Each structure stands twice: as structure tokens, then as C-alpha cells.
PDB file of N, CA and C in Angstrom:
ATOM      1  N   MET A   1     -51.288  -9.875 -29.237  1.00  0.00           N
ATOM      2  CA  MET A   1     -49.980 -10.085 -29.832  1.00  0.00           C
ATOM      3  C   MET A   1     -49.793  -9.086 -30.964  1.00  0.00           C
ATOM      4  N   GLN A   2     -48.566  -8.683 -31.181  1.00  0.00           N
ATOM      5  CA  GLN A   2     -48.237  -7.797 -32.286  1.00  0.00           C
ATOM      6  C   GLN A   2     -46.860  -8.163 -32.830  1.00  0.00           C
ATOM      7  N   MET A   3     -46.805  -8.381 -34.140  1.00  0.00           N
ATOM      8  CA  MET A   3     -45.518  -8.625 -34.781  1.00  0.00           C
ATOM      9  C   MET A   3     -44.751  -7.307 -34.826  1.00  0.00           C
ATOM     10  N   ILE A   4     -43.492  -7.331 -34.444  1.00  0.00           N
ATOM     11  CA  ILE A   4     -42.647  -6.147 -34.536  1.00  0.00           C
ATOM     12  C   ILE A   4     -41.344  -6.550 -35.204  1.00  0.00           C
ATOM     13  N   GLU A   5     -40.725  -5.576 -35.848  1.00  0.00           N
ATOM     14  CA  GLU A   5     -39.425  -5.851 -36.447  1.00  0.00           C
ATOM     15  C   GLU A   5     -38.616  -4.574 -36.526  1.00  0.00           C
ATOM     16  N   ARG A   6     -37.337  -4.769 -36.513  1.00  0.00           N
ATOM     17  CA  ARG A   6     -36.415  -3.643 -36.625  1.00  0.00           C
ATOM     18  C   ARG A   6     -36.409  -3.200 -38.076  1.00  0.00           C
ATOM     19  N   ASN A   7     -36.604  -1.904 -38.286  1.00  0.00           N
ATOM     20  CA  ASN A   7     -36.605  -1.424 -39.662  1.00  0.00           C
ATOM     21  C   ASN A   7     -35.288  -0.760 -40.035  1.00  0.00           C
ATOM     22  N   GLY A   8     -34.295  -0.906 -39.193  1.00  0.00           N
ATOM     23  CA  GLY A   8     -32.971  -0.366 -39.497  1.00  0.00           C
ATOM     24  C   GLY A   8     -32.703   0.981 -38.880  1.00  0.00           C
ATOM     25  N   LYS A   9     -33.751   1.664 -38.420  1.00  0.00           N
ATOM     26  CA  LYS A   9     -33.574   3.003 -37.863  1.00  0.00           C
ATOM     27  C   LYS A   9     -33.535   3.006 -36.336  1.00  0.00           C
ATOM     28  N   GLU A  10     -33.917   1.894 -35.702  1.00  0.00           N
ATOM     29  CA  GLU A  10     -33.917   1.853 -34.250  1.00  0.00           C
ATOM     30  C   GLU A  10     -32.505   1.611 -33.725  1.00  0.00           C
ATOM     31  N   ALA A  11     -31.914   2.650 -33.202  1.00  0.00           N
ATOM     32  CA  ALA A  11     -30.563   2.520 -32.644  1.00  0.00           C
ATOM     33  C   ALA A  11     -30.589   1.720 -31.345  1.00  0.00           C
ATOM     34  N   ASP A  12     -31.734   1.706 -30.659  1.00  0.00           N
ATOM     35  CA  ASP A  12     -31.834   1.053 -29.365  1.00  0.00           C
ATOM     36  C   ASP A  12     -32.535  -0.300 -29.432  1.00  0.00           C
ATOM     37  N   TRP A  13     -32.564  -0.954 -30.586  1.00  0.00           N
ATOM     38  CA  TRP A  13     -33.213  -2.264 -30.696  1.00  0.00           C
ATOM     39  C   TRP A  13     -32.472  -3.228 -29.776  1.00  0.00           C
ATOM     40  N   PRO A  14     -33.131  -3.758 -28.743  1.00  0.00           N
ATOM     41  CA  PRO A  14     -32.419  -4.541 -27.727  1.00  0.00           C
ATOM     42  C   PRO A  14     -32.258  -6.027 -28.033  1.00  0.00           C
ATOM     43  N   PHE A  15     -32.840  -6.498 -29.111  1.00  0.00           N
ATOM     44  CA  PHE A  15     -32.856  -7.933 -29.373  1.00  0.00           C
ATOM     45  C   PHE A  15     -31.822  -8.326 -30.422  1.00  0.00           C
ATOM     46  N   SER A  16     -31.374  -9.562 -30.337  1.00  0.00           N
ATOM     47  CA  SER A  16     -30.365 -10.063 -31.272  1.00  0.00           C
ATOM     48  C   SER A  16     -30.986 -10.570 -32.572  1.00  0.00           C
ATOM     49  N   VAL A  17     -32.306 -10.592 -32.651  1.00  0.00           N
ATOM     50  CA  VAL A  17     -33.016 -11.004 -33.863  1.00  0.00           C
ATOM     51  C   VAL A  17     -33.773  -9.785 -34.407  1.00  0.00           C
ATOM     52  N   PRO A  18     -33.967  -9.705 -35.724  1.00  0.00           N
ATOM     53  CA  PRO A  18     -34.580  -8.511 -36.308  1.00  0.00           C
ATOM     54  C   PRO A  18     -36.101  -8.440 -36.204  1.00  0.00           C
ATOM     55  N   ARG A  19     -36.768  -9.555 -35.843  1.00  0.00           N
ATOM     56  CA  ARG A  19     -38.231  -9.534 -35.767  1.00  0.00           C
ATOM     57  C   ARG A  19     -38.716 -10.552 -34.760  1.00  0.00           C
ATOM     58  N   GLY A  20     -39.944 -10.338 -34.324  1.00  0.00           N
ATOM     59  CA  GLY A  20     -40.550 -11.267 -33.370  1.00  0.00           C
ATOM     60  C   GLY A  20     -41.948 -10.805 -33.023  1.00  0.00           C
ATOM     61  N   THR A  21     -42.447 -11.301 -31.918  1.00  0.00           N
ATOM     62  CA  THR A  21     -43.794 -10.982 -31.478  1.00  0.00           C
ATOM     63  C   THR A  21     -43.744 -10.361 -30.096  1.00  0.00           C
ATOM     64  N   LEU A  22     -44.432  -9.233 -29.964  1.00  0.00           N
ATOM     65  CA  LEU A  22     -44.606  -8.580 -28.678  1.00  0.00           C
ATOM     66  C   LEU A  22     -45.962  -9.033 -28.160  1.00  0.00           C
ATOM     67  N   LEU A  23     -46.015  -9.480 -26.922  1.00  0.00           N
ATOM     68  CA  LEU A  23     -47.295  -9.940 -26.397  1.00  0.00           C
ATOM     69  C   LEU A  23     -47.455  -9.531 -24.944  1.00  0.00           C
ATOM     70  N   CYS A  24     -48.724  -9.437 -24.535  1.00  0.00           N
ATOM     71  CA  CYS A  24     -49.037  -9.080 -23.167  1.00  0.00           C
ATOM     72  C   CYS A  24     -49.926 -10.153 -22.577  1.00  0.00           C
ATOM     73  N   ALA A  25     -49.619 -10.552 -21.357  1.00  0.00           N
ATOM     74  CA  ALA A  25     -50.431 -11.530 -20.641  1.00  0.00           C
ATOM     75  C   ALA A  25     -50.665 -10.995 -19.236  1.00  0.00           C
ATOM     76  N   THR A  26     -51.858 -11.186 -18.729  1.00  0.00           N
ATOM     77  CA  THR A  26     -52.157 -10.786 -17.365  1.00  0.00           C
ATOM     78  C   THR A  26     -51.796 -11.947 -16.447  1.00  0.00           C
ATOM     79  N   ILE A  27     -50.827 -11.708 -15.562  1.00  0.00           N
ATOM     80  CA  ILE A  27     -50.345 -12.728 -14.645  1.00  0.00           C
ATOM     81  C   ILE A  27     -50.483 -12.187 -13.226  1.00  0.00           C
ATOM     82  N   LEU A  28     -51.230 -12.918 -12.418  1.00  0.00           N
ATOM     83  CA  LEU A  28     -51.516 -12.487 -11.042  1.00  0.00           C
ATOM     84  C   LEU A  28     -52.110 -11.080 -11.017  1.00  0.00           C
ATOM     85  N   GLY A  29     -52.945 -10.789 -12.000  1.00  0.00           N
ATOM     86  CA  GLY A  29     -53.642  -9.512 -12.066  1.00  0.00           C
ATOM     87  C   GLY A  29     -52.821  -8.357 -12.611  1.00  0.00           C
ATOM     88  N   GLN A  30     -51.597  -8.613 -13.011  1.00  0.00           N
ATOM     89  CA  GLN A  30     -50.715  -7.563 -13.526  1.00  0.00           C
ATOM     90  C   GLN A  30     -50.366  -7.826 -14.986  1.00  0.00           C
ATOM     91  N   PRO A  31     -50.353  -6.771 -15.820  1.00  0.00           N
ATOM     92  CA  PRO A  31     -49.955  -6.983 -17.210  1.00  0.00           C
ATOM     93  C   PRO A  31     -48.450  -7.244 -17.299  1.00  0.00           C
ATOM     94  N   MET A  32     -48.077  -8.302 -17.996  1.00  0.00           N
ATOM     95  CA  MET A  32     -46.683  -8.660 -18.196  1.00  0.00           C
ATOM     96  C   MET A  32     -46.427  -8.704 -19.701  1.00  0.00           C
ATOM     97  N   VAL A  33     -45.355  -8.072 -20.130  1.00  0.00           N
ATOM     98  CA  VAL A  33     -45.032  -7.965 -21.553  1.00  0.00           C
ATOM     99  C   VAL A  33     -43.857  -8.888 -21.868  1.00  0.00           C
ATOM    100  N   TYR A  34     -43.963  -9.578 -22.997  1.00  0.00           N
ATOM    101  CA  TYR A  34     -42.924 -10.512 -23.436  1.00  0.00           C
ATOM    102  C   TYR A  34     -42.606 -10.282 -24.904  1.00  0.00           C
ATOM    103  N   PHE A  35     -41.394 -10.658 -25.284  1.00  0.00           N
ATOM    104  CA  PHE A  35     -40.974 -10.659 -26.684  1.00  0.00           C
ATOM    105  C   PHE A  35     -40.572 -12.083 -27.016  1.00  0.00           C
ATOM    106  N   SER A  36     -41.080 -12.581 -28.132  1.00  0.00           N
ATOM    107  CA  SER A  36     -40.755 -13.925 -28.592  1.00  0.00           C
ATOM    108  C   SER A  36     -40.168 -13.836 -29.988  1.00  0.00           C
ATOM    109  N   GLU A  37     -39.080 -14.545 -30.214  1.00  0.00           N
ATOM    110  CA  GLU A  37     -38.528 -14.583 -31.563  1.00  0.00           C
ATOM    111  C   GLU A  37     -39.478 -15.348 -32.476  1.00  0.00           C
ATOM    112  N   ALA A  38     -39.385 -15.104 -33.755  1.00  0.00           N
ATOM    113  CA  ALA A  38     -40.213 -15.817 -34.733  1.00  0.00           C
ATOM    114  C   ALA A  38     -39.693 -17.238 -34.875  1.00  0.00           C
ATOM    115  N   ALA A  39     -40.571 -18.207 -34.772  1.00  0.00           N
ATOM    116  CA  ALA A  39     -40.182 -19.613 -34.926  1.00  0.00           C
ATOM    117  C   ALA A  39     -39.947 -19.910 -36.400  1.00  0.00           C
ATOM    118  N   GLU A  40     -38.924 -20.667 -36.670  1.00  0.00           N
ATOM    119  CA  GLU A  40     -38.595 -21.032 -38.051  1.00  0.00           C
ATOM    120  C   GLU A  40     -39.572 -22.060 -38.613  1.00  0.00           C
ATOM    121  N   ASP A  41     -40.013 -22.990 -37.772  1.00  0.00           N
ATOM    122  CA  ASP A  41     -41.003 -23.983 -38.189  1.00  0.00           C
ATOM    123  C   ASP A  41     -41.810 -24.407 -36.968  1.00  0.00           C
ATOM    124  N   HIS A  42     -42.752 -25.315 -37.161  1.00  0.00           N
ATOM    125  CA  HIS A  42     -43.659 -25.718 -36.086  1.00  0.00           C
ATOM    126  C   HIS A  42     -42.973 -26.487 -34.968  1.00  0.00           C
ATOM    127  N   GLU A  43     -41.809 -27.043 -35.236  1.00  0.00           N
ATOM    128  CA  GLU A  43     -41.118 -27.826 -34.221  1.00  0.00           C
ATOM    129  C   GLU A  43     -40.114 -26.996 -33.431  1.00  0.00           C
ATOM    130  N   ASP A  44     -39.874 -25.765 -33.853  1.00  0.00           N
ATOM    131  CA  ASP A  44     -38.961 -24.870 -33.142  1.00  0.00           C
ATOM    132  C   ASP A  44     -39.557 -24.438 -31.809  1.00  0.00           C
ATOM    133  N   GLN A  45     -38.706 -24.300 -30.806  1.00  0.00           N
ATOM    134  CA  GLN A  45     -39.105 -23.743 -29.523  1.00  0.00           C
ATOM    135  C   GLN A  45     -38.513 -22.338 -29.463  1.00  0.00           C
ATOM    136  N   PRO A  46     -39.327 -21.307 -29.757  1.00  0.00           N
ATOM    137  CA  PRO A  46     -38.775 -19.948 -29.790  1.00  0.00           C
ATOM    138  C   PRO A  46     -38.351 -19.470 -28.402  1.00  0.00           C
ATOM    139  N   ARG A  47     -37.335 -18.621 -28.386  1.00  0.00           N
ATOM    140  CA  ARG A  47     -36.891 -18.015 -27.135  1.00  0.00           C
ATOM    141  C   ARG A  47     -37.850 -16.878 -26.783  1.00  0.00           C
ATOM    142  N   VAL A  48     -38.082 -16.698 -25.500  1.00  0.00           N
ATOM    143  CA  VAL A  48     -38.993 -15.664 -25.004  1.00  0.00           C
ATOM    144  C   VAL A  48     -38.305 -14.940 -23.857  1.00  0.00           C
ATOM    145  N   VAL A  49     -38.432 -13.598 -23.840  1.00  0.00           N
ATOM    146  CA  VAL A  49     -37.888 -12.799 -22.743  1.00  0.00           C
ATOM    147  C   VAL A  49     -38.961 -11.838 -22.241  1.00  0.00           C
ATOM    148  N   GLN A  50     -38.830 -11.482 -20.974  1.00  0.00           N
ATOM    149  CA  GLN A  50     -39.729 -10.487 -20.403  1.00  0.00           C
ATOM    150  C   GLN A  50     -39.234  -9.103 -20.783  1.00  0.00           C
ATOM    151  N   VAL A  51     -40.161  -8.250 -21.188  1.00  0.00           N
ATOM    152  CA  VAL A  51     -39.858  -6.853 -21.511  1.00  0.00           C
ATOM    153  C   VAL A  51     -40.245  -6.048 -20.282  1.00  0.00           C
ATOM    154  N   SER A  52     -39.276  -5.408 -19.664  1.00  0.00           N
ATOM    155  CA  SER A  52     -39.515  -4.708 -18.416  1.00  0.00           C
ATOM    156  C   SER A  52     -38.477  -3.595 -18.250  1.00  0.00           C
ATOM    157  N   VAL A  53     -38.770  -2.660 -17.360  1.00  0.00           N
ATOM    158  CA  VAL A  53     -37.778  -1.651 -16.988  1.00  0.00           C
ATOM    159  C   VAL A  53     -37.280  -1.903 -15.568  1.00  0.00           C
ATOM    160  N   ASN A  54     -37.661  -3.042 -15.014  1.00  0.00           N
ATOM    161  CA  ASN A  54     -37.218  -3.440 -13.692  1.00  0.00           C
ATOM    162  C   ASN A  54     -35.888  -4.188 -13.849  1.00  0.00           C
ATOM    163  N   PRO A  55     -34.818  -3.706 -13.218  1.00  0.00           N
ATOM    164  CA  PRO A  55     -33.519  -4.365 -13.357  1.00  0.00           C
ATOM    165  C   PRO A  55     -33.532  -5.835 -12.934  1.00  0.00           C
ATOM    166  N   PHE A  56     -34.329  -6.174 -11.921  1.00  0.00           N
ATOM    167  CA  PHE A  56     -34.418  -7.571 -11.481  1.00  0.00           C
ATOM    168  C   PHE A  56     -34.976  -8.440 -12.601  1.00  0.00           C
ATOM    169  N   ASP A  57     -36.072  -7.978 -13.243  1.00  0.00           N
ATOM    170  CA  ASP A  57     -36.673  -8.738 -14.346  1.00  0.00           C
ATOM    171  C   ASP A  57     -35.689  -8.896 -15.503  1.00  0.00           C
ATOM    172  N   LEU A  58     -34.995  -7.810 -15.833  1.00  0.00           N
ATOM    173  CA  LEU A  58     -34.069  -7.843 -16.969  1.00  0.00           C
ATOM    174  C   LEU A  58     -32.809  -8.647 -16.678  1.00  0.00           C
ATOM    175  N   GLY A  59     -32.398  -8.676 -15.431  1.00  0.00           N
ATOM    176  CA  GLY A  59     -31.185  -9.406 -15.078  1.00  0.00           C
ATOM    177  C   GLY A  59     -31.465 -10.841 -14.691  1.00  0.00           C
ATOM    178  N   ILE A  60     -32.098 -11.041 -13.565  1.00  0.00           N
ATOM    179  CA  ILE A  60     -32.365 -12.379 -13.044  1.00  0.00           C
ATOM    180  C   ILE A  60     -33.494 -13.059 -13.813  1.00  0.00           C
ATOM    181  N   GLY A  61     -34.571 -12.328 -14.091  1.00  0.00           N
ATOM    182  CA  GLY A  61     -35.732 -12.908 -14.765  1.00  0.00           C
ATOM    183  C   GLY A  61     -35.446 -13.408 -16.165  1.00  0.00           C
ATOM    184  N   ASN A  62     -34.469 -12.819 -16.825  1.00  0.00           N
ATOM    185  CA  ASN A  62     -34.149 -13.202 -18.199  1.00  0.00           C
ATOM    186  C   ASN A  62     -32.803 -13.908 -18.308  1.00  0.00           C
ATOM    187  N   LEU A  63     -32.368 -14.568 -17.238  1.00  0.00           N
ATOM    188  CA  LEU A  63     -31.077 -15.270 -17.283  1.00  0.00           C
ATOM    189  C   LEU A  63     -31.016 -16.322 -18.380  1.00  0.00           C
ATOM    190  N   GLY A  64     -32.097 -16.997 -18.630  1.00  0.00           N
ATOM    191  CA  GLY A  64     -32.110 -18.061 -19.630  1.00  0.00           C
ATOM    192  C   GLY A  64     -32.562 -17.599 -20.996  1.00  0.00           C
ATOM    193  N   ASP A  65     -32.277 -16.354 -21.350  1.00  0.00           N
ATOM    194  CA  ASP A  65     -32.767 -15.807 -22.630  1.00  0.00           C
ATOM    195  C   ASP A  65     -32.048 -16.373 -23.839  1.00  0.00           C
ATOM    196  N   GLY A  66     -30.970 -17.081 -23.649  1.00  0.00           N
ATOM    197  CA  GLY A  66     -30.251 -17.689 -24.767  1.00  0.00           C
ATOM    198  C   GLY A  66     -29.681 -16.688 -25.750  1.00  0.00           C
ATOM    199  N   GLY A  67     -29.387 -15.482 -25.272  1.00  0.00           N
ATOM    200  CA  GLY A  67     -28.815 -14.459 -26.148  1.00  0.00           C
ATOM    201  C   GLY A  67     -29.853 -13.683 -26.934  1.00  0.00           C
ATOM    202  N   LEU A  68     -31.121 -13.804 -26.586  1.00  0.00           N
ATOM    203  CA  LEU A  68     -32.163 -13.066 -27.308  1.00  0.00           C
ATOM    204  C   LEU A  68     -32.045 -11.567 -27.071  1.00  0.00           C
ATOM    205  N   ILE A  69     -31.626 -11.181 -25.867  1.00  0.00           N
ATOM    206  CA  ILE A  69     -31.312  -9.778 -25.596  1.00  0.00           C
ATOM    207  C   ILE A  69     -29.818  -9.615 -25.872  1.00  0.00           C
ATOM    208  N   LYS A  70     -29.466  -8.567 -26.595  1.00  0.00           N
ATOM    209  CA  LYS A  70     -28.056  -8.351 -26.932  1.00  0.00           C
ATOM    210  C   LYS A  70     -27.207  -8.364 -25.662  1.00  0.00           C
ATOM    211  N   PRO A  71     -26.255  -9.262 -25.561  1.00  0.00           N
ATOM    212  CA  PRO A  71     -25.470  -9.385 -24.329  1.00  0.00           C
ATOM    213  C   PRO A  71     -24.545  -8.200 -24.065  1.00  0.00           C
ATOM    214  N   GLU A  72     -24.221  -7.428 -25.087  1.00  0.00           N
ATOM    215  CA  GLU A  72     -23.296  -6.313 -24.890  1.00  0.00           C
ATOM    216  C   GLU A  72     -23.954  -5.081 -24.271  1.00  0.00           C
ATOM    217  N   LEU A  73     -25.283  -5.096 -24.131  1.00  0.00           N
ATOM    218  CA  LEU A  73     -25.977  -3.944 -23.561  1.00  0.00           C
ATOM    219  C   LEU A  73     -25.785  -3.885 -22.051  1.00  0.00           C
ATOM    220  N   THR A  74     -25.516  -2.687 -21.544  1.00  0.00           N
ATOM    221  CA  THR A  74     -25.464  -2.497 -20.095  1.00  0.00           C
ATOM    222  C   THR A  74     -26.898  -2.502 -19.562  1.00  0.00           C
ATOM    223  N   MET A  75     -27.046  -2.602 -18.257  1.00  0.00           N
ATOM    224  CA  MET A  75     -28.379  -2.587 -17.665  1.00  0.00           C
ATOM    225  C   MET A  75     -29.090  -1.276 -17.981  1.00  0.00           C
ATOM    226  N   GLU A  76     -28.387  -0.179 -17.938  1.00  0.00           N
ATOM    227  CA  GLU A  76     -28.982   1.121 -18.262  1.00  0.00           C
ATOM    228  C   GLU A  76     -29.483   1.149 -19.714  1.00  0.00           C
ATOM    229  N   GLN A  77     -28.702   0.625 -20.639  1.00  0.00           N
ATOM    230  CA  GLN A  77     -29.112   0.572 -22.043  1.00  0.00           C
ATOM    231  C   GLN A  77     -30.320  -0.346 -22.236  1.00  0.00           C
ATOM    232  N   ARG A  78     -30.360  -1.447 -21.506  1.00  0.00           N
ATOM    233  CA  ARG A  78     -31.508  -2.354 -21.586  1.00  0.00           C
ATOM    234  C   ARG A  78     -32.784  -1.658 -21.120  1.00  0.00           C
ATOM    235  N   ILE A  79     -32.691  -0.963 -20.000  1.00  0.00           N
ATOM    236  CA  ILE A  79     -33.863  -0.261 -19.458  1.00  0.00           C
ATOM    237  C   ILE A  79     -34.353   0.789 -20.443  1.00  0.00           C
ATOM    238  N   GLN A  80     -33.444   1.570 -21.001  1.00  0.00           N
ATOM    239  CA  GLN A  80     -33.835   2.608 -21.964  1.00  0.00           C
ATOM    240  C   GLN A  80     -34.471   2.011 -23.211  1.00  0.00           C
ATOM    241  N   ALA A  81     -33.952   0.903 -23.681  1.00  0.00           N
ATOM    242  CA  ALA A  81     -34.477   0.284 -24.898  1.00  0.00           C
ATOM    243  C   ALA A  81     -35.805  -0.421 -24.658  1.00  0.00           C
ATOM    244  N   MET A  82     -36.004  -0.957 -23.478  1.00  0.00           N
ATOM    245  CA  MET A  82     -37.217  -1.715 -23.180  1.00  0.00           C
ATOM    246  C   MET A  82     -38.413  -0.824 -22.834  1.00  0.00           C
ATOM    247  N   GLY A  83     -38.170   0.390 -22.349  1.00  0.00           N
ATOM    248  CA  GLY A  83     -39.258   1.274 -21.924  1.00  0.00           C
ATOM    249  C   GLY A  83     -40.355   1.458 -22.964  1.00  0.00           C
ATOM    250  N   PRO A  84     -40.018   1.897 -24.191  1.00  0.00           N
ATOM    251  CA  PRO A  84     -41.059   2.077 -25.209  1.00  0.00           C
ATOM    252  C   PRO A  84     -41.746   0.773 -25.602  1.00  0.00           C
ATOM    253  N   LEU A  85     -40.996  -0.319 -25.633  1.00  0.00           N
ATOM    254  CA  LEU A  85     -41.583  -1.614 -25.981  1.00  0.00           C
ATOM    255  C   LEU A  85     -42.537  -2.088 -24.887  1.00  0.00           C
ATOM    256  N   MET A  86     -42.194  -1.808 -23.632  1.00  0.00           N
ATOM    257  CA  MET A  86     -43.067  -2.192 -22.529  1.00  0.00           C
ATOM    258  C   MET A  86     -44.378  -1.403 -22.590  1.00  0.00           C
ATOM    259  N   ALA A  87     -44.290  -0.105 -22.877  1.00  0.00           N
ATOM    260  CA  ALA A  87     -45.505   0.711 -22.982  1.00  0.00           C
ATOM    261  C   ALA A  87     -46.396   0.211 -24.116  1.00  0.00           C
ATOM    262  N   GLN A  88     -45.806  -0.103 -25.248  1.00  0.00           N
ATOM    263  CA  GLN A  88     -46.564  -0.624 -26.383  1.00  0.00           C
ATOM    264  C   GLN A  88     -47.185  -1.973 -26.043  1.00  0.00           C
ATOM    265  N   GLY A  89     -46.428  -2.825 -25.392  1.00  0.00           N
ATOM    266  CA  GLY A  89     -46.924  -4.146 -25.010  1.00  0.00           C
ATOM    267  C   GLY A  89     -48.063  -4.072 -24.007  1.00  0.00           C
ATOM    268  N   ARG A  90     -48.000  -3.147 -23.073  1.00  0.00           N
ATOM    269  CA  ARG A  90     -49.084  -3.014 -22.086  1.00  0.00           C
ATOM    270  C   ARG A  90     -50.389  -2.576 -22.748  1.00  0.00           C
ATOM    271  N   ARG A  91     -50.289  -1.798 -23.809  1.00  0.00           N
ATOM    272  CA  ARG A  91     -51.506  -1.419 -24.540  1.00  0.00           C
ATOM    273  C   ARG A  91     -52.157  -2.645 -25.185  1.00  0.00           C
ATOM    274  N   LEU A  92     -51.365  -3.656 -25.443  1.00  0.00           N
ATOM    275  CA  LEU A  92     -51.927  -4.890 -25.994  1.00  0.00           C
ATOM    276  C   LEU A  92     -52.887  -5.552 -25.000  1.00  0.00           C
ATOM    277  N   CYS A  93     -52.640  -5.387 -23.700  1.00  0.00           N
ATOM    278  CA  CYS A  93     -53.522  -5.985 -22.697  1.00  0.00           C
ATOM    279  C   CYS A  93     -54.909  -5.351 -22.711  1.00  0.00           C
ATOM    280  N   ASP A  94     -55.044  -4.170 -23.297  1.00  0.00           N
ATOM    281  CA  ASP A  94     -56.356  -3.510 -23.400  1.00  0.00           C
ATOM    282  C   ASP A  94     -57.166  -4.056 -24.567  1.00  0.00           C
ATOM    283  N   GLN A  95     -56.569  -4.888 -25.388  1.00  0.00           N
ATOM    284  CA  GLN A  95     -57.251  -5.453 -26.553  1.00  0.00           C
ATOM    285  C   GLN A  95     -58.007  -6.711 -26.143  1.00  0.00           C
ATOM    286  N   PRO A  96     -58.989  -7.128 -26.949  1.00  0.00           N
ATOM    287  CA  PRO A  96     -59.697  -8.378 -26.638  1.00  0.00           C
ATOM    288  C   PRO A  96     -58.722  -9.555 -26.594  1.00  0.00           C
ATOM    289  N   ARG A  97     -59.003 -10.496 -25.720  1.00  0.00           N
ATOM    290  CA  ARG A  97     -58.143 -11.672 -25.553  1.00  0.00           C
ATOM    291  C   ARG A  97     -57.958 -12.397 -26.886  1.00  0.00           C
ATOM    292  N   GLY A  98     -56.713 -12.707 -27.215  1.00  0.00           N
ATOM    293  CA  GLY A  98     -56.408 -13.436 -28.442  1.00  0.00           C
ATOM    294  C   GLY A  98     -56.276 -12.556 -29.669  1.00  0.00           C
ATOM    295  N   ALA A  99     -56.411 -11.225 -29.507  1.00  0.00           N
ATOM    296  CA  ALA A  99     -56.335 -10.321 -30.658  1.00  0.00           C
ATOM    297  C   ALA A  99     -54.896 -10.275 -31.195  1.00  0.00           C
ATOM    298  N   ALA A 100     -54.791 -10.251 -32.514  1.00  0.00           N
ATOM    299  CA  ALA A 100     -53.504 -10.070 -33.179  1.00  0.00           C
ATOM    300  C   ALA A 100     -53.525  -8.703 -33.835  1.00  0.00           C
ATOM    301  N   ILE A 101     -52.640  -7.809 -33.414  1.00  0.00           N
ATOM    302  CA  ILE A 101     -52.610  -6.429 -33.870  1.00  0.00           C
ATOM    303  C   ILE A 101     -51.494  -6.286 -34.903  1.00  0.00           C
ATOM    304  N   GLY A 102     -51.797  -5.659 -36.009  1.00  0.00           N
ATOM    305  CA  GLY A 102     -50.798  -5.450 -37.054  1.00  0.00           C
ATOM    306  C   GLY A 102     -49.895  -4.277 -36.740  1.00  0.00           C
ATOM    307  N   PRO A 103     -48.799  -4.117 -37.468  1.00  0.00           N
ATOM    308  CA  PRO A 103     -47.872  -3.012 -37.255  1.00  0.00           C
ATOM    309  C   PRO A 103     -48.583  -1.665 -37.382  1.00  0.00           C
ATOM    310  N   GLY A 104     -48.310  -0.780 -36.454  1.00  0.00           N
ATOM    311  CA  GLY A 104     -48.841   0.575 -36.511  1.00  0.00           C
ATOM    312  C   GLY A 104     -50.288   0.705 -36.068  1.00  0.00           C
ATOM    313  N   GLU A 105     -50.913  -0.356 -35.561  1.00  0.00           N
ATOM    314  CA  GLU A 105     -52.316  -0.283 -35.171  1.00  0.00           C
ATOM    315  C   GLU A 105     -52.525   0.240 -33.770  1.00  0.00           C
ATOM    316  N   LEU A 106     -51.513   0.217 -32.910  1.00  0.00           N
ATOM    317  CA  LEU A 106     -51.705   0.706 -31.533  1.00  0.00           C
ATOM    318  C   LEU A 106     -51.508   2.199 -31.442  1.00  0.00           C
TER     319      LEU A 106
END
């Protein structure tokens, strides 16, 4: 897992919240990258979306995102914005299980 946040300079920040957690999980032998908003308290159920450059994942797979991905983005803009985040998230899968990586460590 890695905490990430918009520092104001990312023109392509695809999320409607300024910070959250980027995480990678191996599912069916494949690395899958997700973004989770920061929970306000222990009883909050944070929204989670898949970070992908696959239009199916971004469209159908994230239908229940609750507005976590900016709704005004076109599919092309989503793919462009998610590409670097997906690459960063996949590097998280190379870390020991349960590792929490700080900003700028990858």
C-alpha cells in the first residue's frame, strides 16, 4: 500500500478526492491495482476503484465507484490519467506482503 495525494500540480488527477491509498493485490495470479479514499473514521466504508487502462475495467468494473473517479472525464482521459498510477501500483506487488510504502519510495 502507498498513500498518495494530489499536490496541486497534477493536471490529470482522476479522482474526486485529494488523497487516498494506492494498493496492489494479486488476484487469480495477476496484479490488480486499486485506489481507496481515506476513511474519515473506523466506521466509514471507503470507496474503492480499480486502477486500469482497460476500458472495460474503467467503465463496467467501476460502475459502483460512487463518484470516486471524476465523472466528467472521458474514457480517453481516464486511460491517460490511470496509466502512471497503474504502473506505480504494480510496483507495489513486488514489495513484501503487507508493506506500507511512503511517498516517493518507489
